[in-house]
C-alpha cells in the first residue's frame, strides 16, 4: 500500500516498519513508474530491508514496554 491508497507518510512508515519486523514478504501494488519520491525512498530503505532480511528469518519480538520504562524513569 506504500505509494498507493492515499496513506499519509506516517502510515506508510508504520506499514513498512511492521513489514520489516514481521519478516514478511513484500508485495507492492503501486505502479513503480508513478510512485512519489518519498514512498520510493521508503521502499528502498536499506536499514529497514536489512531488518526484514535477518539471516535467521525470525520475526521481531517484544522486548520492552515503553510505558513501563517511562514509568520507572519518573519514579
PDB file of N, CA and C in Angstrom:
ATOM      1  N   UNK A   1       0.808  -1.199   0.000  1.00  0.00           N
ATOM      2  CA  UNK A   1       0.000   0.000   0.000  1.00  0.00           C
ATOM      3  C   UNK A   1       0.845   1.254   0.000  1.00  0.00           C
ATOM      4  N   UNK A   2       2.141   1.102   0.172  1.00  0.00           N
ATOM      5  CA  UNK A   2       3.012   2.269   0.177  1.00  0.00           C
ATOM      6  C   UNK A   2       3.010   2.888  -1.206  1.00  0.00           C
ATOM      7  N   UNK A   3       2.747   4.194  -1.257  1.00  0.00           N
ATOM      8  CA  UNK A   3       2.679   4.902  -2.521  1.00  0.00           C
ATOM      9  C   UNK A   3       1.340   4.769  -3.208  1.00  0.00           C
ATOM     10  N   UNK A   4       0.397   4.130  -2.553  1.00  0.00           N
ATOM     11  CA  UNK A   4      -0.903   3.847  -3.145  1.00  0.00           C
ATOM     12  C   UNK A   4      -1.971   4.051  -2.065  1.00  0.00           C
ATOM     13  N   UNK A   5      -3.199   4.147  -2.420  1.00  0.00           N
ATOM     14  CA  UNK A   5      -4.334   4.209  -1.493  1.00  0.00           C
ATOM     15  C   UNK A   5      -4.375   5.449  -0.617  1.00  0.00           C
ATOM     16  N   UNK A   6      -3.571   6.463  -0.871  1.00  0.00           N
ATOM     17  CA  UNK A   6      -3.654   7.719  -0.149  1.00  0.00           C
ATOM     18  C   UNK A   6      -3.211   7.670   1.301  1.00  0.00           C
ATOM     19  N   UNK A   7      -2.291   6.792   1.649  1.00  0.00           N
ATOM     20  CA  UNK A   7      -1.791   6.750   3.016  1.00  0.00           C
ATOM     21  C   UNK A   7      -0.929   7.974   3.294  1.00  0.00           C
ATOM     22  N   UNK A   8      -0.947   8.429   4.536  1.00  0.00           N
ATOM     23  CA  UNK A   8      -0.063   9.527   4.919  1.00  0.00           C
ATOM     24  C   UNK A   8       1.364   8.988   5.024  1.00  0.00           C
ATOM     25  N   UNK A   9       2.325   9.876   5.101  1.00  0.00           N
ATOM     26  CA  UNK A   9       3.717   9.465   5.273  1.00  0.00           C
ATOM     27  C   UNK A   9       3.921   8.646   6.532  1.00  0.00           C
ATOM     28  N   UNK A  10       3.269   9.066   7.622  1.00  0.00           N
ATOM     29  CA  UNK A  10       3.376   8.315   8.879  1.00  0.00           C
ATOM     30  C   UNK A  10       2.807   6.909   8.728  1.00  0.00           C
ATOM     31  N   UNK A  11       1.666   6.794   8.059  1.00  0.00           N
ATOM     32  CA  UNK A  11       1.049   5.479   7.862  1.00  0.00           C
ATOM     33  C   UNK A  11       1.937   4.584   7.002  1.00  0.00           C
ATOM     34  N   UNK A  12       2.566   5.150   6.007  1.00  0.00           N
ATOM     35  CA  UNK A  12       3.476   4.366   5.173  1.00  0.00           C
ATOM     36  C   UNK A  12       4.680   3.883   5.973  1.00  0.00           C
ATOM     37  N   UNK A  13       5.233   4.748   6.823  1.00  0.00           N
ATOM     38  CA  UNK A  13       6.387   4.354   7.642  1.00  0.00           C
ATOM     39  C   UNK A  13       6.015   3.251   8.621  1.00  0.00           C
ATOM     40  N   UNK A  14       4.838   3.349   9.227  1.00  0.00           N
ATOM     41  CA  UNK A  14       4.386   2.301  10.149  1.00  0.00           C
ATOM     42  C   UNK A  14       4.217   0.983   9.400  1.00  0.00           C
ATOM     43  N   UNK A  15       3.598   1.039   8.238  1.00  0.00           N
ATOM     44  CA  UNK A  15       3.390  -0.180   7.455  1.00  0.00           C
ATOM     45  C   UNK A  15       4.731  -0.821   7.082  1.00  0.00           C
ATOM     46  N   UNK A  16       5.679  -0.037   6.655  1.00  0.00           N
ATOM     47  CA  UNK A  16       6.990  -0.573   6.274  1.00  0.00           C
ATOM     48  C   UNK A  16       7.721  -1.118   7.493  1.00  0.00           C
ATOM     49  N   UNK A  17       7.595  -0.436   8.617  1.00  0.00           N
ATOM     50  CA  UNK A  17       8.234  -0.919   9.842  1.00  0.00           C
ATOM     51  C   UNK A  17       7.663  -2.256  10.289  1.00  0.00           C
ATOM     52  N   UNK A  18       6.349  -2.377  10.259  1.00  0.00           N
ATOM     53  CA  UNK A  18       5.724  -3.645  10.639  1.00  0.00           C
ATOM     54  C   UNK A  18       6.114  -4.757   9.673  1.00  0.00           C
ATOM     55  N   UNK A  19       6.170  -4.442   8.390  1.00  0.00           N
ATOM     56  CA  UNK A  19       6.597  -5.430   7.403  1.00  0.00           C
ATOM     57  C   UNK A  19       7.979  -5.953   7.771  1.00  0.00           C
ATOM     58  N   UNK A  20       8.890  -5.052   8.105  1.00  0.00           N
ATOM     59  CA  UNK A  20      10.261  -5.488   8.386  1.00  0.00           C
ATOM     60  C   UNK A  20      10.334  -6.305   9.675  1.00  0.00           C
ATOM     61  N   UNK A  21       9.595  -5.909  10.694  1.00  0.00           N
ATOM     62  CA  UNK A  21       9.625  -6.621  11.974  1.00  0.00           C
ATOM     63  C   UNK A  21       9.026  -8.013  11.854  1.00  0.00           C
ATOM     64  N   UNK A  22       7.972  -8.158  11.069  1.00  0.00           N
ATOM     65  CA  UNK A  22       7.300  -9.454  10.939  1.00  0.00           C
ATOM     66  C   UNK A  22       8.031 -10.411  10.006  1.00  0.00           C
ATOM     67  N   UNK A  23       9.112  -9.960   9.366  1.00  0.00           N
ATOM     68  CA  UNK A  23       9.871 -10.790   8.421  1.00  0.00           C
ATOM     69  C   UNK A  23       8.966 -11.338   7.326  1.00  0.00           C
ATOM     70  N   UNK A  24       8.091 -10.486   6.821  1.00  0.00           N
ATOM     71  CA  UNK A  24       7.120 -10.865   5.793  1.00  0.00           C
ATOM     72  C   UNK A  24       7.692 -10.670   4.396  1.00  0.00           C
ATOM     73  N   UNK A  25       6.991 -11.224   3.425  1.00  0.00           N
ATOM     74  CA  UNK A  25       7.310 -10.941   2.031  1.00  0.00           C
ATOM     75  C   UNK A  25       6.744  -9.568   1.700  1.00  0.00           C
ATOM     76  N   UNK A  26       7.419  -8.842   0.831  1.00  0.00           N
ATOM     77  CA  UNK A  26       6.953  -7.518   0.439  1.00  0.00           C
ATOM     78  C   UNK A  26       6.202  -7.618  -0.879  1.00  0.00           C
ATOM     79  N   UNK A  27       4.931  -7.265  -0.840  1.00  0.00           N
ATOM     80  CA  UNK A  27       4.105  -7.226  -2.039  1.00  0.00           C
ATOM     81  C   UNK A  27       3.763  -5.766  -2.317  1.00  0.00           C
ATOM     82  N   UNK A  28       4.015  -5.314  -3.513  1.00  0.00           N
ATOM     83  CA  UNK A  28       3.734  -3.928  -3.859  1.00  0.00           C
ATOM     84  C   UNK A  28       2.633  -3.874  -4.910  1.00  0.00           C
ATOM     85  N   UNK A  29       1.675  -2.983  -4.685  1.00  0.00           N
ATOM     86  CA  UNK A  29       0.577  -2.830  -5.636  1.00  0.00           C
ATOM     87  C   UNK A  29       0.653  -1.500  -6.372  1.00  0.00           C
ATOM     88  N   UNK A  30       1.660  -0.713  -6.063  1.00  0.00           N
ATOM     89  CA  UNK A  30       1.802   0.613  -6.654  1.00  0.00           C
ATOM     90  C   UNK A  30       2.491   0.510  -8.023  1.00  0.00           C
ATOM     91  N   UNK A  31       2.129   1.403  -8.905  1.00  0.00           N
ATOM     92  CA  UNK A  31       2.787   1.488 -10.207  1.00  0.00           C
ATOM     93  C   UNK A  31       4.140   2.169  -9.991  1.00  0.00           C
ATOM     94  N   UNK A  32       5.211   1.432 -10.122  1.00  0.00           N
ATOM     95  CA  UNK A  32       6.541   1.961  -9.827  1.00  0.00           C
ATOM     96  C   UNK A  32       6.974   3.052 -10.798  1.00  0.00           C
ATOM     97  N   UNK A  33       6.259   3.215 -11.891  1.00  0.00           N
ATOM     98  CA  UNK A  33       6.566   4.293 -12.841  1.00  0.00           C
ATOM     99  C   UNK A  33       6.054   5.639 -12.341  1.00  0.00           C
ATOM    100  N   UNK A  34       5.087   5.615 -11.430  1.00  0.00           N
ATOM    101  CA  UNK A  34       4.471   6.868 -10.973  1.00  0.00           C
ATOM    102  C   UNK A  34       4.573   7.095  -9.473  1.00  0.00           C
ATOM    103  N   UNK A  35       5.301   6.263  -8.766  1.00  0.00           N
ATOM    104  CA  UNK A  35       5.412   6.387  -7.307  1.00  0.00           C
ATOM    105  C   UNK A  35       6.132   7.700  -6.953  1.00  0.00           C
ATOM    106  N   UNK A  36       5.714   8.335  -5.863  1.00  0.00           N
ATOM    107  CA  UNK A  36       6.373   9.582  -5.460  1.00  0.00           C
ATOM    108  C   UNK A  36       7.726   9.272  -4.820  1.00  0.00           C
ATOM    109  N   UNK A  37       8.589  10.252  -4.768  1.00  0.00           N
ATOM    110  CA  UNK A  37       9.971  10.056  -4.299  1.00  0.00           C
ATOM    111  C   UNK A  37      10.054   9.644  -2.838  1.00  0.00           C
ATOM    112  N   UNK A  38       9.167  10.164  -2.006  1.00  0.00           N
ATOM    113  CA  UNK A  38       9.189   9.820  -0.576  1.00  0.00           C
ATOM    114  C   UNK A  38       8.850   8.344  -0.386  1.00  0.00           C
ATOM    115  N   UNK A  39       7.810   7.878  -1.051  1.00  0.00           N
ATOM    116  CA  UNK A  39       7.418   6.474  -0.947  1.00  0.00           C
ATOM    117  C   UNK A  39       8.482   5.560  -1.545  1.00  0.00           C
ATOM    118  N   UNK A  40       9.074   5.979  -2.641  1.00  0.00           N
ATOM    119  CA  UNK A  40      10.134   5.197  -3.276  1.00  0.00           C
ATOM    120  C   UNK A  40      11.331   5.062  -2.339  1.00  0.00           C
ATOM    121  N   UNK A  41      11.708   6.162  -1.694  1.00  0.00           N
ATOM    122  CA  UNK A  41      12.830   6.124  -0.753  1.00  0.00           C
ATOM    123  C   UNK A  41      12.535   5.182   0.413  1.00  0.00           C
ATOM    124  N   UNK A  42      11.301   5.175   0.868  1.00  0.00           N
ATOM    125  CA  UNK A  42      10.904   4.282   1.953  1.00  0.00           C
ATOM    126  C   UNK A  42      11.025   2.824   1.523  1.00  0.00           C
ATOM    127  N   UNK A  43      10.552   2.506   0.335  1.00  0.00           N
ATOM    128  CA  UNK A  43      10.639   1.128  -0.164  1.00  0.00           C
ATOM    129  C   UNK A  43      12.073   0.680  -0.408  1.00  0.00           C
ATOM    130  N   UNK A  44      12.978   1.626  -0.631  1.00  0.00           N
ATOM    131  CA  UNK A  44      14.374   1.292  -0.900  1.00  0.00           C
ATOM    132  C   UNK A  44      15.282   1.462   0.317  1.00  0.00           C
ATOM    133  N   UNK A  45      14.702   1.738   1.487  1.00  0.00           N
ATOM    134  CA  UNK A  45      15.479   1.985   2.697  1.00  0.00           C
ATOM    135  C   UNK A  45      16.264   0.735   3.088  1.00  0.00           C
ATOM    136  N   UNK A  46      17.580   0.790   2.957  1.00  0.00           N
ATOM    137  CA  UNK A  46      18.442  -0.375   3.205  1.00  0.00           C
ATOM    138  C   UNK A  46      18.400  -0.847   4.649  1.00  0.00           C
ATOM    139  N   UNK A  47      18.218   0.059   5.598  1.00  0.00           N
ATOM    140  CA  UNK A  47      18.186  -0.320   7.011  1.00  0.00           C
ATOM    141  C   UNK A  47      16.923  -1.121   7.335  1.00  0.00           C
ATOM    142  N   UNK A  48      15.801  -0.677   6.807  1.00  0.00           N
ATOM    143  CA  UNK A  48      14.535  -1.382   7.045  1.00  0.00           C
ATOM    144  C   UNK A  48      14.558  -2.743   6.347  1.00  0.00           C
ATOM    145  N   UNK A  49      15.074  -2.782   5.139  1.00  0.00           N
ATOM    146  CA  UNK A  49      15.173  -4.047   4.412  1.00  0.00           C
ATOM    147  C   UNK A  49      16.093  -5.016   5.158  1.00  0.00           C
ATOM    148  N   UNK A  50      17.174  -4.512   5.727  1.00  0.00           N
ATOM    149  CA  UNK A  50      18.109  -5.372   6.464  1.00  0.00           C
ATOM    150  C   UNK A  50      17.436  -6.020   7.678  1.00  0.00           C
ATOM    151  N   UNK A  51      16.551  -5.303   8.344  1.00  0.00           N
ATOM    152  CA  UNK A  51      15.826  -5.892   9.475  1.00  0.00           C
ATOM    153  C   UNK A  51      14.963  -7.040   8.987  1.00  0.00           C
ATOM    154  N   UNK A  52      14.268  -6.837   7.881  1.00  0.00           N
ATOM    155  CA  UNK A  52      13.410  -7.873   7.321  1.00  0.00           C
ATOM    156  C   UNK A  52      14.216  -9.073   6.847  1.00  0.00           C
ATOM    157  N   UNK A  53      15.402  -8.844   6.324  1.00  0.00           N
ATOM    158  CA  UNK A  53      16.213  -9.901   5.737  1.00  0.00           C
ATOM    159  C   UNK A  53      17.209 -10.496   6.729  1.00  0.00           C
ATOM    160  N   UNK A  54      16.871 -10.496   8.000  1.00  0.00           N
ATOM    161  CA  UNK A  54      17.721 -11.089   9.027  1.00  0.00           C
ATOM    162  C   UNK A  54      18.100 -12.510   8.614  1.00  0.00           C
ATOM    163  N   UNK A  55      19.359 -12.903   8.750  1.00  0.00           N
ATOM    164  CA  UNK A  55      19.794 -14.229   8.302  1.00  0.00           C
ATOM    165  C   UNK A  55      19.012 -15.395   8.912  1.00  0.00           C
ATOM    166  N   UNK A  56      18.520 -15.246  10.129  1.00  0.00           N
ATOM    167  CA  UNK A  56      17.754 -16.328  10.751  1.00  0.00           C
ATOM    168  C   UNK A  56      16.313 -16.383  10.244  1.00  0.00           C
ATOM    169  N   UNK A  57      15.844 -15.297   9.661  1.00  0.00           N
ATOM    170  CA  UNK A  57      14.482 -15.261   9.142  1.00  0.00           C
ATOM    171  C   UNK A  57      13.417 -15.224  10.218  1.00  0.00           C
ATOM    172  N   UNK A  58      13.804 -14.831  11.428  1.00  0.00           N
ATOM    173  CA  UNK A  58      12.862 -14.795  12.543  1.00  0.00           C
ATOM    174  C   UNK A  58      12.205 -13.424  12.644  1.00  0.00           C
ATOM    175  N   UNK A  59      10.914 -13.385  12.961  1.00  0.00           N
ATOM    176  CA  UNK A  59      10.269 -12.085  13.177  1.00  0.00           C
ATOM    177  C   UNK A  59      10.737 -11.464  14.483  1.00  0.00           C
ATOM    178  N   UNK A  60      10.541 -10.157  14.595  1.00  0.00           N
ATOM    179  CA  UNK A  60      10.891  -9.470  15.827  1.00  0.00           C
ATOM    180  C   UNK A  60       9.999  -9.911  16.970  1.00  0.00           C
ATOM    181  N   UNK A  61      10.411  -9.598  18.182  1.00  0.00           N
ATOM    182  CA  UNK A  61       9.598  -9.929  19.349  1.00  0.00           C
ATOM    183  C   UNK A  61       9.636  -8.764  20.331  1.00  0.00           C
ATOM    184  N   UNK A  62       8.651  -8.716  21.181  1.00  0.00           N
ATOM    185  CA  UNK A  62       8.527  -7.636  22.160  1.00  0.00           C
ATOM    186  C   UNK A  62       9.617  -7.791  23.213  1.00  0.00           C
ATOM    187  N   UNK A  63      10.396  -6.750  23.448  1.00  0.00           N
ATOM    188  CA  UNK A  63      11.453  -6.813  24.449  1.00  0.00           C
ATOM    189  C   UNK A  63      11.335  -5.722  25.514  1.00  0.00           C
ATOM    190  N   UNK A  64      10.570  -4.669  25.244  1.00  0.00           N
ATOM    191  CA  UNK A  64      10.459  -3.574  26.205  1.00  0.00           C
ATOM    192  C   UNK A  64       9.141  -2.856  26.009  1.00  0.00           C
ATOM    193  N   UNK A  65       8.446  -2.646  27.091  1.00  0.00           N
ATOM    194  CA  UNK A  65       7.229  -1.848  27.038  1.00  0.00           C
ATOM    195  C   UNK A  65       7.610  -0.405  27.339  1.00  0.00           C
ATOM    196  N   UNK A  66       7.382   0.480  26.402  1.00  0.00           N
ATOM    197  CA  UNK A  66       7.778   1.873  26.568  1.00  0.00           C
ATOM    198  C   UNK A  66       7.092   2.493  27.766  1.00  0.00           C
ATOM    199  N   UNK A  67       5.809   2.186  27.961  1.00  0.00           N
ATOM    200  CA  UNK A  67       5.090   2.815  29.070  1.00  0.00           C
ATOM    201  C   UNK A  67       5.682   2.400  30.418  1.00  0.00           C
ATOM    202  N   UNK A  68       6.047   1.128  30.600  1.00  0.00           N
ATOM    203  CA  UNK A  68       6.618   0.717  31.886  1.00  0.00           C
ATOM    204  C   UNK A  68       8.015   1.300  32.049  1.00  0.00           C
ATOM    205  N   UNK A  69       8.756   1.448  30.963  1.00  0.00           N
ATOM    206  CA  UNK A  69      10.084   2.050  31.035  1.00  0.00           C
ATOM    207  C   UNK A  69       9.970   3.527  31.426  1.00  0.00           C
ATOM    208  N   UNK A  70       9.046   4.232  30.838  1.00  0.00           N
ATOM    209  CA  UNK A  70       8.836   5.646  31.155  1.00  0.00           C
ATOM    210  C   UNK A  70       8.397   5.789  32.600  1.00  0.00           C
ATOM    211  N   UNK A  71       7.491   4.928  33.056  1.00  0.00           N
ATOM    212  CA  UNK A  71       7.038   4.985  34.451  1.00  0.00           C
ATOM    213  C   UNK A  71       8.197   4.791  35.412  1.00  0.00           C
ATOM    214  N   UNK A  72       9.113   3.868  35.109  1.00  0.00           N
ATOM    215  CA  UNK A  72      10.244   3.640  36.010  1.00  0.00           C
ATOM    216  C   UNK A  72      11.179   4.849  36.044  1.00  0.00           C
ATOM    217  N   UNK A  73      11.279   5.574  34.937  1.00  0.00           N
ATOM    218  CA  UNK A  73      12.121   6.774  34.912  1.00  0.00           C
ATOM    219  C   UNK A  73      11.523   7.912  35.730  1.00  0.00           C
ATOM    220  N   UNK A  74      10.182   7.922  35.823  1.00  0.00           N
ATOM    221  CA  UNK A  74       9.512   9.008  36.541  1.00  0.00           C
ATOM    222  C   UNK A  74       9.474   8.787  38.052  1.00  0.00           C
ATOM    223  N   UNK A  75       9.829   7.619  38.497  1.00  0.00           N
ATOM    224  CA  UNK A  75       9.806   7.339  39.957  1.00  0.00           C
ATOM    225  C   UNK A  75      10.995   7.868  40.656  1.00  0.00           C
TER     226      UNK A  75
END
